[in-house]
N, C-alpha and C. Protein backbone atom coordinates (compact mmCIF):
# COMPACT_ATOMS: atom_id res chain seq x y z
N MET A 1 0.85 -1.20 0.00
CA MET A 1 0.00 0.00 0.00
C MET A 1 0.88 1.24 0.00
N ASN A 2 0.76 2.03 -1.03
CA ASN A 2 1.60 3.21 -1.13
C ASN A 2 0.77 4.37 -1.63
N LYS A 3 0.45 5.28 -0.73
CA LYS A 3 -0.39 6.43 -1.08
C LYS A 3 0.38 7.73 -1.02
N PHE A 4 1.71 7.63 -1.17
CA PHE A 4 2.50 8.84 -0.99
C PHE A 4 2.32 9.84 -2.11
N THR A 5 1.86 9.37 -3.26
CA THR A 5 1.61 10.34 -4.34
C THR A 5 0.47 11.27 -3.96
N THR A 6 -0.48 10.81 -3.13
CA THR A 6 -1.60 11.66 -2.73
C THR A 6 -1.22 12.66 -1.66
N THR A 7 -0.04 12.49 -1.05
CA THR A 7 0.36 13.39 0.03
C THR A 7 1.18 14.56 -0.49
N LYS A 8 1.38 14.65 -1.78
CA LYS A 8 2.09 15.80 -2.32
C LYS A 8 1.25 17.07 -2.20
N ARG A 9 -0.07 16.90 -2.19
CA ARG A 9 -0.96 18.07 -2.19
C ARG A 9 -0.75 18.96 -0.96
N PRO A 10 -0.73 18.41 0.29
CA PRO A 10 -0.52 19.32 1.43
C PRO A 10 0.81 20.03 1.40
N ILE A 11 1.85 19.37 0.88
CA ILE A 11 3.17 20.01 0.79
C ILE A 11 3.10 21.17 -0.20
N LEU A 12 2.49 20.95 -1.35
CA LEU A 12 2.42 22.00 -2.36
C LEU A 12 1.59 23.18 -1.86
N ILE A 13 0.48 22.89 -1.16
CA ILE A 13 -0.35 23.98 -0.62
C ILE A 13 0.42 24.78 0.41
N ALA A 14 1.13 24.08 1.32
CA ALA A 14 1.90 24.78 2.35
C ALA A 14 3.00 25.63 1.73
N LEU A 15 3.69 25.09 0.72
CA LEU A 15 4.74 25.86 0.04
C LEU A 15 4.17 27.08 -0.65
N LEU A 16 3.03 26.93 -1.30
CA LEU A 16 2.41 28.04 -2.00
C LEU A 16 2.04 29.16 -1.03
N LEU A 17 1.42 28.80 0.09
CA LEU A 17 1.04 29.80 1.08
C LEU A 17 2.26 30.50 1.65
N PHE A 18 3.31 29.71 1.92
CA PHE A 18 4.52 30.29 2.50
C PHE A 18 5.17 31.29 1.54
N PHE A 19 5.28 30.91 0.28
CA PHE A 19 5.96 31.81 -0.66
C PHE A 19 5.10 33.01 -1.03
N CYS A 20 3.78 32.89 -0.85
CA CYS A 20 2.93 34.08 -1.02
C CYS A 20 3.25 35.09 0.07
N VAL A 21 3.47 34.60 1.31
CA VAL A 21 3.85 35.49 2.41
C VAL A 21 5.22 36.09 2.15
N CYS A 22 6.12 35.27 1.60
CA CYS A 22 7.51 35.71 1.42
C CYS A 22 7.71 36.60 0.20
N HIS A 23 6.71 36.70 -0.67
CA HIS A 23 6.90 37.34 -1.96
C HIS A 23 7.45 38.75 -1.85
N ASP A 24 6.97 39.52 -0.88
CA ASP A 24 7.38 40.90 -0.75
C ASP A 24 8.49 41.10 0.28
N ALA A 25 9.06 40.02 0.79
CA ALA A 25 10.09 40.13 1.83
C ALA A 25 11.41 40.59 1.24
N ASP A 26 12.14 41.33 2.03
CA ASP A 26 13.49 41.72 1.67
C ASP A 26 14.34 40.46 1.55
N ALA A 27 15.06 40.32 0.43
CA ALA A 27 15.84 39.10 0.20
C ALA A 27 16.84 38.84 1.32
N GLN A 28 17.35 39.90 1.96
CA GLN A 28 18.31 39.72 3.04
C GLN A 28 17.67 39.11 4.27
N ARG A 29 16.34 39.04 4.32
CA ARG A 29 15.66 38.49 5.48
C ARG A 29 15.21 37.05 5.26
N VAL A 30 15.59 36.43 4.18
CA VAL A 30 15.18 35.07 3.87
C VAL A 30 16.34 34.11 4.13
N ALA A 31 16.04 32.98 4.81
CA ALA A 31 17.08 32.00 5.12
C ALA A 31 16.61 30.61 4.71
N LEU A 32 17.54 29.76 4.29
CA LEU A 32 17.29 28.36 4.00
C LEU A 32 18.08 27.52 5.00
N ARG A 33 17.48 26.41 5.49
CA ARG A 33 18.18 25.59 6.47
C ARG A 33 17.97 24.11 6.19
N ASN A 34 18.96 23.33 6.63
CA ASN A 34 18.91 21.87 6.52
C ASN A 34 19.25 21.28 7.88
N ASN A 35 18.40 20.35 8.36
CA ASN A 35 18.59 19.71 9.66
C ASN A 35 19.45 18.46 9.49
N LEU A 36 20.67 18.48 10.04
CA LEU A 36 21.59 17.37 9.88
C LEU A 36 21.12 16.13 10.63
N PHE A 37 20.43 16.30 11.77
CA PHE A 37 19.87 15.14 12.48
C PHE A 37 18.84 14.42 11.62
N TYR A 38 18.03 15.20 10.94
CA TYR A 38 17.00 14.64 10.05
C TYR A 38 17.67 13.92 8.87
N ASP A 39 18.74 14.51 8.34
CA ASP A 39 19.49 13.86 7.27
C ASP A 39 20.00 12.48 7.69
N ALA A 40 20.37 12.34 8.97
CA ALA A 40 20.92 11.09 9.48
C ALA A 40 19.91 9.94 9.41
N THR A 41 18.62 10.26 9.30
CA THR A 41 17.59 9.23 9.13
C THR A 41 17.33 8.95 7.65
N LEU A 42 18.24 9.43 6.79
CA LEU A 42 18.13 9.28 5.33
C LEU A 42 16.87 9.96 4.80
N SER A 43 16.53 11.10 5.41
CA SER A 43 15.34 11.85 5.02
C SER A 43 15.74 13.24 4.56
N PRO A 44 15.76 13.49 3.26
CA PRO A 44 16.06 14.84 2.77
C PRO A 44 15.08 15.84 3.34
N ASN A 45 15.58 17.04 3.67
CA ASN A 45 14.72 18.04 4.27
C ASN A 45 15.23 19.43 3.95
N LEU A 46 14.32 20.39 3.97
CA LEU A 46 14.67 21.78 3.71
C LEU A 46 13.70 22.68 4.47
N GLY A 47 14.26 23.71 5.08
CA GLY A 47 13.44 24.71 5.75
C GLY A 47 13.69 26.08 5.16
N ALA A 48 12.67 26.92 5.21
CA ALA A 48 12.80 28.30 4.74
C ALA A 48 12.22 29.22 5.81
N GLU A 49 12.80 30.40 5.94
CA GLU A 49 12.36 31.36 6.95
C GLU A 49 12.36 32.75 6.36
N VAL A 50 11.33 33.52 6.68
CA VAL A 50 11.30 34.92 6.29
C VAL A 50 11.17 35.77 7.55
N ARG A 51 12.01 36.77 7.65
CA ARG A 51 12.00 37.65 8.82
C ARG A 51 10.86 38.65 8.68
N LEU A 52 9.99 38.71 9.71
CA LEU A 52 8.87 39.65 9.70
C LEU A 52 9.27 41.01 10.24
N ASP A 53 10.13 41.03 11.28
CA ASP A 53 10.67 42.26 11.82
C ASP A 53 11.96 41.90 12.55
N SER A 54 12.40 42.73 13.48
CA SER A 54 13.68 42.49 14.13
C SER A 54 13.68 41.31 15.09
N THR A 55 12.50 40.81 15.50
CA THR A 55 12.46 39.71 16.46
C THR A 55 11.62 38.52 16.00
N TRP A 56 10.69 38.70 15.07
CA TRP A 56 9.79 37.62 14.68
C TRP A 56 10.11 37.11 13.28
N ALA A 57 9.92 35.79 13.09
CA ALA A 57 10.13 35.19 11.78
C ALA A 57 9.11 34.08 11.57
N LEU A 58 8.75 33.86 10.32
CA LEU A 58 7.81 32.81 9.92
C LEU A 58 8.57 31.80 9.08
N GLY A 59 8.39 30.50 9.38
CA GLY A 59 9.14 29.48 8.67
C GLY A 59 8.30 28.30 8.23
N LEU A 60 8.88 27.47 7.39
CA LEU A 60 8.24 26.24 6.93
C LEU A 60 9.33 25.20 6.69
N ASN A 61 9.17 24.02 7.32
CA ASN A 61 10.09 22.91 7.11
C ASN A 61 9.35 21.76 6.43
N VAL A 62 9.99 21.14 5.46
CA VAL A 62 9.42 19.96 4.79
C VAL A 62 10.50 18.88 4.72
N GLY A 63 10.07 17.63 4.77
CA GLY A 63 10.99 16.51 4.66
C GLY A 63 10.26 15.27 4.19
N PHE A 64 11.01 14.27 3.73
CA PHE A 64 10.36 13.05 3.27
C PHE A 64 11.36 11.89 3.27
N ASN A 65 10.81 10.70 3.30
CA ASN A 65 11.57 9.47 3.08
C ASN A 65 10.65 8.56 2.29
N ALA A 66 11.05 8.19 1.08
CA ALA A 66 10.15 7.49 0.16
C ALA A 66 10.67 6.12 -0.26
N TRP A 67 11.57 5.53 0.53
CA TRP A 67 12.15 4.25 0.13
C TRP A 67 12.20 3.30 1.33
N ASP A 68 12.30 2.00 1.02
CA ASP A 68 12.41 0.99 2.07
C ASP A 68 13.85 0.91 2.55
N ILE A 69 14.01 0.71 3.86
CA ILE A 69 15.35 0.51 4.41
C ILE A 69 15.86 -0.87 4.05
N ASP A 70 14.99 -1.88 4.14
CA ASP A 70 15.35 -3.26 3.80
C ASP A 70 14.11 -3.91 3.19
N LYS A 71 14.15 -4.16 1.88
CA LYS A 71 12.99 -4.72 1.20
C LYS A 71 12.71 -6.15 1.61
N ASP A 72 13.75 -6.91 1.96
CA ASP A 72 13.55 -8.31 2.32
C ASP A 72 12.72 -8.46 3.60
N THR A 73 12.92 -7.56 4.55
CA THR A 73 12.17 -7.62 5.82
C THR A 73 11.06 -6.58 5.87
N ASN A 74 10.87 -5.84 4.78
CA ASN A 74 9.87 -4.77 4.71
C ASN A 74 10.10 -3.73 5.80
N LYS A 75 11.36 -3.47 6.09
CA LYS A 75 11.73 -2.46 7.08
C LYS A 75 11.68 -1.09 6.40
N LYS A 76 10.91 -0.18 6.99
CA LYS A 76 10.72 1.12 6.31
C LYS A 76 10.44 2.22 7.31
N TRP A 77 10.74 3.43 6.85
CA TRP A 77 10.50 4.65 7.63
C TRP A 77 9.95 5.70 6.66
N ARG A 78 9.01 5.28 5.82
CA ARG A 78 8.47 6.18 4.81
C ARG A 78 7.57 7.23 5.44
N HIS A 79 7.72 8.47 4.98
CA HIS A 79 6.87 9.53 5.50
C HIS A 79 7.06 10.79 4.67
N VAL A 80 6.11 11.66 4.76
CA VAL A 80 6.27 13.05 4.33
C VAL A 80 5.89 13.92 5.52
N LEU A 81 6.55 15.05 5.66
CA LEU A 81 6.35 15.92 6.82
C LEU A 81 6.28 17.37 6.38
N VAL A 82 5.32 18.10 6.93
CA VAL A 82 5.19 19.54 6.71
C VAL A 82 5.06 20.20 8.07
N SER A 83 5.89 21.20 8.34
CA SER A 83 5.90 21.83 9.66
C SER A 83 6.07 23.34 9.56
N PRO A 84 4.98 24.10 9.58
CA PRO A 84 5.10 25.56 9.68
C PRO A 84 5.49 25.94 11.10
N ASN A 85 6.16 27.08 11.25
CA ASN A 85 6.61 27.50 12.58
C ASN A 85 6.70 29.02 12.67
N VAL A 86 6.66 29.48 13.90
CA VAL A 86 6.86 30.89 14.22
C VAL A 86 8.03 30.97 15.19
N ARG A 87 8.96 31.86 14.93
CA ARG A 87 10.17 31.95 15.74
C ARG A 87 10.33 33.37 16.30
N TRP A 88 10.72 33.43 17.59
CA TRP A 88 11.00 34.69 18.26
C TRP A 88 12.47 34.74 18.65
N TYR A 89 13.20 35.72 18.12
CA TYR A 89 14.62 35.89 18.42
C TYR A 89 14.78 36.83 19.61
N HIS A 90 15.56 36.39 20.58
CA HIS A 90 15.70 37.16 21.82
C HIS A 90 16.64 38.36 21.66
N ASN A 91 17.79 38.15 21.04
CA ASN A 91 18.79 39.22 21.00
C ASN A 91 19.33 39.43 19.59
N TYR A 92 18.42 39.42 18.63
CA TYR A 92 18.80 39.65 17.24
C TYR A 92 19.19 41.11 17.01
N LYS A 93 20.27 41.34 16.31
CA LYS A 93 20.67 42.69 15.90
C LYS A 93 20.58 42.77 14.38
N ARG A 94 20.19 43.90 13.88
CA ARG A 94 19.98 44.04 12.44
C ARG A 94 21.27 43.75 11.67
N ASP A 95 22.42 44.15 12.22
CA ASP A 95 23.69 43.79 11.62
C ASP A 95 24.14 42.46 12.22
N SER A 96 23.96 41.37 11.49
CA SER A 96 24.24 40.05 12.03
C SER A 96 25.70 39.86 12.39
N LEU A 97 26.59 40.68 11.83
CA LEU A 97 28.01 40.53 12.15
C LEU A 97 28.32 41.07 13.54
N VAL A 98 27.42 41.89 14.11
CA VAL A 98 27.63 42.41 15.46
C VAL A 98 27.30 41.34 16.49
N THR A 99 26.18 40.61 16.28
CA THR A 99 25.75 39.59 17.22
C THR A 99 26.17 38.22 16.69
N ARG A 100 27.20 37.64 17.27
CA ARG A 100 27.70 36.35 16.82
C ARG A 100 26.87 35.19 17.34
N ARG A 101 26.16 35.38 18.45
CA ARG A 101 25.35 34.32 19.04
C ARG A 101 23.94 34.85 19.29
N VAL A 102 22.95 34.09 18.86
CA VAL A 102 21.56 34.50 18.97
C VAL A 102 20.75 33.32 19.51
N ASN A 103 19.90 33.54 20.52
CA ASN A 103 19.01 32.47 20.96
C ASN A 103 17.58 32.79 20.55
N TYR A 104 16.75 31.74 20.50
CA TYR A 104 15.40 31.92 20.00
C TYR A 104 14.46 30.87 20.60
N LEU A 105 13.18 31.18 20.57
CA LEU A 105 12.11 30.25 20.91
C LEU A 105 11.27 30.03 19.66
N GLU A 106 10.79 28.80 19.49
CA GLU A 106 10.04 28.48 18.28
C GLU A 106 8.81 27.65 18.61
N LEU A 107 7.70 27.97 17.97
CA LEU A 107 6.46 27.21 18.09
C LEU A 107 6.23 26.49 16.77
N ASP A 108 6.02 25.16 16.84
CA ASP A 108 5.91 24.34 15.64
C ASP A 108 4.56 23.62 15.56
N ALA A 109 3.99 23.57 14.37
CA ALA A 109 2.87 22.68 14.06
C ALA A 109 3.40 21.63 13.09
N ILE A 110 3.07 20.37 13.31
CA ILE A 110 3.66 19.28 12.54
C ILE A 110 2.55 18.39 11.99
N TYR A 111 2.60 18.13 10.68
CA TYR A 111 1.73 17.13 10.06
C TYR A 111 2.60 16.13 9.32
N SER A 112 2.25 14.84 9.42
CA SER A 112 2.99 13.82 8.69
C SER A 112 2.06 12.70 8.27
N HIS A 113 2.28 12.20 7.07
CA HIS A 113 1.68 10.94 6.62
C HIS A 113 2.81 9.92 6.64
N PHE A 114 2.57 8.76 7.25
CA PHE A 114 3.67 7.80 7.46
C PHE A 114 3.26 6.38 7.11
N ASN A 115 4.28 5.59 6.79
CA ASN A 115 4.16 4.16 6.54
C ASN A 115 5.42 3.53 7.11
N VAL A 116 5.35 3.11 8.37
CA VAL A 116 6.53 2.73 9.14
C VAL A 116 6.37 1.31 9.66
N GLY A 117 7.42 0.51 9.54
CA GLY A 117 7.31 -0.86 10.04
C GLY A 117 8.64 -1.53 10.24
N ASN A 118 8.66 -2.51 11.16
CA ASN A 118 9.83 -3.34 11.42
C ASN A 118 11.06 -2.48 11.72
N THR A 119 10.84 -1.41 12.46
CA THR A 119 11.89 -0.42 12.72
C THR A 119 12.03 -0.21 14.22
N LYS A 120 13.27 -0.23 14.70
CA LYS A 120 13.53 0.03 16.11
C LYS A 120 13.94 1.48 16.26
N ILE A 121 13.15 2.24 17.01
CA ILE A 121 13.41 3.66 17.22
C ILE A 121 14.22 3.82 18.51
N PRO A 122 15.24 4.66 18.51
CA PRO A 122 16.09 4.82 19.70
C PRO A 122 15.32 5.19 20.96
N PHE A 123 15.92 4.87 22.10
CA PHE A 123 15.40 5.23 23.43
C PHE A 123 14.08 4.54 23.75
N GLY A 124 13.73 3.48 23.02
CA GLY A 124 12.52 2.75 23.32
C GLY A 124 11.24 3.45 22.94
N LEU A 125 11.35 4.49 22.10
CA LEU A 125 10.16 5.23 21.70
C LEU A 125 9.35 4.45 20.66
N TYR A 126 8.04 4.49 20.78
CA TYR A 126 7.13 3.95 19.79
C TYR A 126 7.46 2.50 19.44
N SER A 127 7.49 1.65 20.48
CA SER A 127 7.91 0.25 20.31
C SER A 127 6.97 -0.53 19.41
N ALA A 128 5.75 -0.03 19.17
CA ALA A 128 4.79 -0.76 18.35
C ALA A 128 5.29 -0.99 16.93
N VAL A 129 6.14 -0.11 16.43
CA VAL A 129 6.60 -0.25 15.04
C VAL A 129 7.74 -1.25 14.91
N LYS A 130 8.19 -1.83 16.00
CA LYS A 130 9.26 -2.82 15.92
C LYS A 130 8.75 -4.15 15.36
N ASP A 131 7.50 -4.49 15.65
CA ASP A 131 6.95 -5.77 15.22
C ASP A 131 5.75 -5.65 14.30
N ARG A 132 5.33 -4.45 14.01
CA ARG A 132 4.17 -4.23 13.15
C ARG A 132 4.47 -3.13 12.14
N ARG A 133 3.58 -2.98 11.17
CA ARG A 133 3.66 -1.86 10.23
C ARG A 133 2.46 -0.95 10.47
N LEU A 134 2.72 0.32 10.67
CA LEU A 134 1.67 1.30 10.91
C LEU A 134 1.63 2.28 9.75
N GLN A 135 0.46 2.51 9.21
CA GLN A 135 0.29 3.46 8.12
C GLN A 135 -0.84 4.42 8.48
N GLY A 136 -0.52 5.71 8.50
CA GLY A 136 -1.54 6.68 8.86
C GLY A 136 -1.04 8.09 8.85
N ASP A 137 -1.59 8.91 9.75
CA ASP A 137 -1.29 10.34 9.79
C ASP A 137 -1.11 10.77 11.24
N LEU A 138 -0.41 11.88 11.41
CA LEU A 138 -0.26 12.45 12.75
C LEU A 138 -0.25 13.96 12.66
N PHE A 139 -0.64 14.57 13.78
CA PHE A 139 -0.57 16.02 13.93
C PHE A 139 -0.04 16.32 15.31
N ALA A 140 0.86 17.29 15.42
CA ALA A 140 1.46 17.61 16.71
C ALA A 140 1.72 19.10 16.81
N LEU A 141 1.74 19.59 18.05
CA LEU A 141 2.12 20.96 18.37
C LEU A 141 3.23 20.91 19.40
N GLY A 142 4.24 21.75 19.20
CA GLY A 142 5.36 21.73 20.14
C GLY A 142 6.15 23.01 20.13
N GLY A 143 7.14 23.05 20.96
CA GLY A 143 8.01 24.22 21.04
C GLY A 143 9.43 23.79 21.31
N LYS A 144 10.37 24.66 20.98
CA LYS A 144 11.77 24.36 21.22
C LYS A 144 12.57 25.63 21.44
N TYR A 145 13.70 25.43 22.08
CA TYR A 145 14.66 26.50 22.30
C TYR A 145 15.86 26.24 21.42
N GLY A 146 16.39 27.30 20.82
CA GLY A 146 17.53 27.14 19.95
C GLY A 146 18.59 28.20 20.16
N TYR A 147 19.78 27.89 19.69
CA TYR A 147 20.93 28.78 19.78
C TYR A 147 21.61 28.82 18.43
N SER A 148 21.90 30.01 17.96
CA SER A 148 22.45 30.19 16.62
C SER A 148 23.81 30.88 16.68
N TRP A 149 24.77 30.30 15.97
CA TRP A 149 26.10 30.90 15.88
C TRP A 149 26.31 31.44 14.47
N ILE A 150 26.68 32.70 14.37
CA ILE A 150 26.96 33.32 13.08
C ILE A 150 28.38 32.93 12.66
N LEU A 151 28.51 32.22 11.54
CA LEU A 151 29.81 31.78 11.06
C LEU A 151 30.42 32.78 10.09
N ALA A 152 29.58 33.36 9.26
CA ALA A 152 30.04 34.33 8.25
C ALA A 152 28.82 35.15 7.86
N ARG A 153 29.00 36.05 6.92
CA ARG A 153 27.91 36.95 6.55
C ARG A 153 26.67 36.17 6.10
N ASP A 154 26.85 35.08 5.37
CA ASP A 154 25.71 34.36 4.80
C ASP A 154 25.48 32.99 5.42
N TRP A 155 26.26 32.60 6.43
CA TRP A 155 26.16 31.26 6.98
C TRP A 155 26.05 31.29 8.50
N ARG A 156 25.26 30.36 9.04
CA ARG A 156 25.25 30.15 10.48
C ARG A 156 24.87 28.70 10.78
N ILE A 157 25.08 28.30 12.01
CA ILE A 157 24.70 26.96 12.45
C ILE A 157 23.84 27.09 13.70
N GLU A 158 22.82 26.21 13.82
CA GLU A 158 21.88 26.27 14.93
C GLU A 158 21.82 24.92 15.64
N ALA A 159 21.68 24.97 16.95
CA ALA A 159 21.38 23.77 17.74
C ALA A 159 20.09 24.04 18.48
N GLU A 160 19.16 23.08 18.45
CA GLU A 160 17.86 23.31 19.05
C GLU A 160 17.31 22.02 19.64
N ALA A 161 16.47 22.17 20.67
CA ALA A 161 15.84 21.03 21.32
C ALA A 161 14.50 21.45 21.89
N GLY A 162 13.55 20.52 21.89
CA GLY A 162 12.23 20.80 22.44
C GLY A 162 11.39 19.54 22.44
N ILE A 163 10.09 19.72 22.60
CA ILE A 163 9.18 18.57 22.64
C ILE A 163 7.83 18.99 22.07
N ALA A 164 7.13 18.00 21.50
CA ALA A 164 5.80 18.23 20.95
C ALA A 164 4.87 17.15 21.47
N ILE A 165 3.61 17.49 21.57
CA ILE A 165 2.58 16.51 21.91
C ILE A 165 1.68 16.38 20.70
N GLY A 166 1.33 15.12 20.37
CA GLY A 166 0.58 14.93 19.15
C GLY A 166 -0.42 13.80 19.23
N TYR A 167 -1.14 13.64 18.16
CA TYR A 167 -2.16 12.60 18.03
C TYR A 167 -1.96 11.92 16.69
N ALA A 168 -1.94 10.58 16.69
CA ALA A 168 -1.76 9.80 15.47
C ALA A 168 -2.94 8.85 15.29
N TRP A 169 -3.38 8.66 14.05
CA TRP A 169 -4.40 7.68 13.73
C TRP A 169 -3.88 6.86 12.57
N PHE A 170 -4.06 5.52 12.64
CA PHE A 170 -3.35 4.65 11.71
C PHE A 170 -4.06 3.31 11.56
N LYS A 171 -3.65 2.57 10.51
CA LYS A 171 -4.01 1.18 10.31
C LYS A 171 -2.80 0.32 10.66
N GLU A 172 -3.06 -0.82 11.23
CA GLU A 172 -1.97 -1.67 11.73
C GLU A 172 -1.94 -2.98 10.96
N TYR A 173 -0.71 -3.36 10.49
CA TYR A 173 -0.53 -4.56 9.70
C TYR A 173 0.63 -5.38 10.25
N ASP A 174 0.68 -6.64 9.83
CA ASP A 174 1.87 -7.44 10.06
C ASP A 174 3.00 -6.86 9.21
N CYS A 175 4.24 -7.09 9.62
CA CYS A 175 5.38 -6.49 8.92
C CYS A 175 5.58 -7.02 7.51
N ASP A 176 5.12 -8.24 7.23
CA ASP A 176 5.34 -8.82 5.90
C ASP A 176 4.68 -7.96 4.82
N HIS A 177 5.18 -8.12 3.58
CA HIS A 177 4.55 -7.45 2.45
C HIS A 177 3.09 -7.87 2.37
N CYS A 178 2.18 -6.90 2.29
CA CYS A 178 0.75 -7.17 2.26
C CYS A 178 0.35 -8.03 3.45
N GLY A 179 0.92 -7.71 4.61
CA GLY A 179 0.70 -8.51 5.82
C GLY A 179 -0.72 -8.41 6.35
N THR A 180 -1.00 -9.24 7.33
CA THR A 180 -2.32 -9.31 7.94
C THR A 180 -2.74 -7.95 8.50
N PHE A 181 -3.98 -7.58 8.23
CA PHE A 181 -4.53 -6.33 8.75
C PHE A 181 -5.09 -6.60 10.15
N TYR A 182 -4.61 -5.85 11.15
CA TYR A 182 -5.02 -6.07 12.53
C TYR A 182 -6.09 -5.09 12.99
N GLY A 183 -6.33 -4.04 12.23
CA GLY A 183 -7.35 -3.08 12.63
C GLY A 183 -6.82 -1.67 12.65
N LYS A 184 -7.66 -0.77 13.11
CA LYS A 184 -7.31 0.64 13.20
C LYS A 184 -6.96 1.00 14.64
N GLY A 185 -6.13 2.04 14.78
CA GLY A 185 -5.75 2.48 16.11
C GLY A 185 -5.46 3.97 16.13
N ASP A 186 -5.29 4.48 17.33
CA ASP A 186 -4.87 5.86 17.49
C ASP A 186 -4.15 5.98 18.83
N ARG A 187 -3.41 7.06 18.99
CA ARG A 187 -2.70 7.26 20.25
C ARG A 187 -2.25 8.70 20.37
N ILE A 188 -2.12 9.13 21.61
CA ILE A 188 -1.47 10.39 21.93
C ILE A 188 -0.01 10.10 22.24
N PHE A 189 0.89 10.95 21.78
CA PHE A 189 2.32 10.65 21.94
C PHE A 189 3.11 11.93 22.20
N LEU A 190 4.30 11.75 22.72
CA LEU A 190 5.28 12.82 22.87
C LEU A 190 6.36 12.63 21.82
N LEU A 191 6.76 13.71 21.20
CA LEU A 191 7.75 13.67 20.12
C LEU A 191 8.92 14.59 20.45
N PRO A 192 10.13 14.06 20.65
CA PRO A 192 11.29 14.93 20.86
C PRO A 192 11.58 15.73 19.60
N LEU A 193 11.94 16.99 19.76
CA LEU A 193 12.31 17.86 18.65
C LEU A 193 13.78 18.23 18.81
N LEU A 194 14.62 17.68 17.95
CA LEU A 194 16.06 17.91 18.03
C LEU A 194 16.58 18.33 16.66
N GLY A 195 17.55 19.21 16.66
CA GLY A 195 18.10 19.62 15.38
C GLY A 195 19.45 20.28 15.49
N VAL A 196 20.28 20.02 14.51
CA VAL A 196 21.49 20.80 14.25
C VAL A 196 21.35 21.27 12.81
N ASN A 197 21.12 22.56 12.63
CA ASN A 197 20.80 23.11 11.33
C ASN A 197 21.97 23.90 10.74
N VAL A 198 22.21 23.65 9.47
CA VAL A 198 23.11 24.51 8.69
C VAL A 198 22.24 25.50 7.94
N VAL A 199 22.52 26.78 8.08
CA VAL A 199 21.65 27.84 7.57
C VAL A 199 22.40 28.72 6.58
N TYR A 200 21.75 28.98 5.47
CA TYR A 200 22.29 29.91 4.46
C TYR A 200 21.36 31.11 4.34
N ILE A 201 21.90 32.29 4.49
CA ILE A 201 21.13 33.53 4.36
C ILE A 201 21.16 34.00 2.92
N ILE A 202 19.99 34.12 2.29
CA ILE A 202 19.94 34.61 0.91
C ILE A 202 20.19 36.10 0.91
N ASN A 203 21.25 36.52 0.27
CA ASN A 203 21.68 37.92 0.29
C ASN A 203 21.74 38.43 -1.14
């Protein structure tokens, strides 16, 4: 069962809305970022941010994984993710070369469509996917604290951590290809939010 082609629509809508907001933004206030932690899960990802004023910014992160980790065991971590966010910078200075270190708070909304199975997640989180395949959707709200180091005029690196609470609804199957259908389920969960971001400022 693969419905990932139908999940392109929310990503395209979110991107369209975001770039409509960004259309009139000063190019020097736009940043692109990549989360290296997310890359480590073999999930390409990209974030964009537009500065609204000296302290507030609006952002959008998207990511996906569209392949099986091991086809023989049907081990997979397939998903698409869309996460709009609002960020508040505590000590941002208009001349970024003056402030080498900047901290921030961020509020995130997260939507994902997933097809995950036969996968062991670190720290004992979500143990149900170790022996079953779950396919469904989730929505979460969370917040995180981050710290940004200015490396050069157009580059910086960020470290951030936080937590989100969410709700997932899914269908449950045996791990085998076209495995036994066990029924529908749902759950409330906590989701750690971790990131080390490489950021490029469009100038």
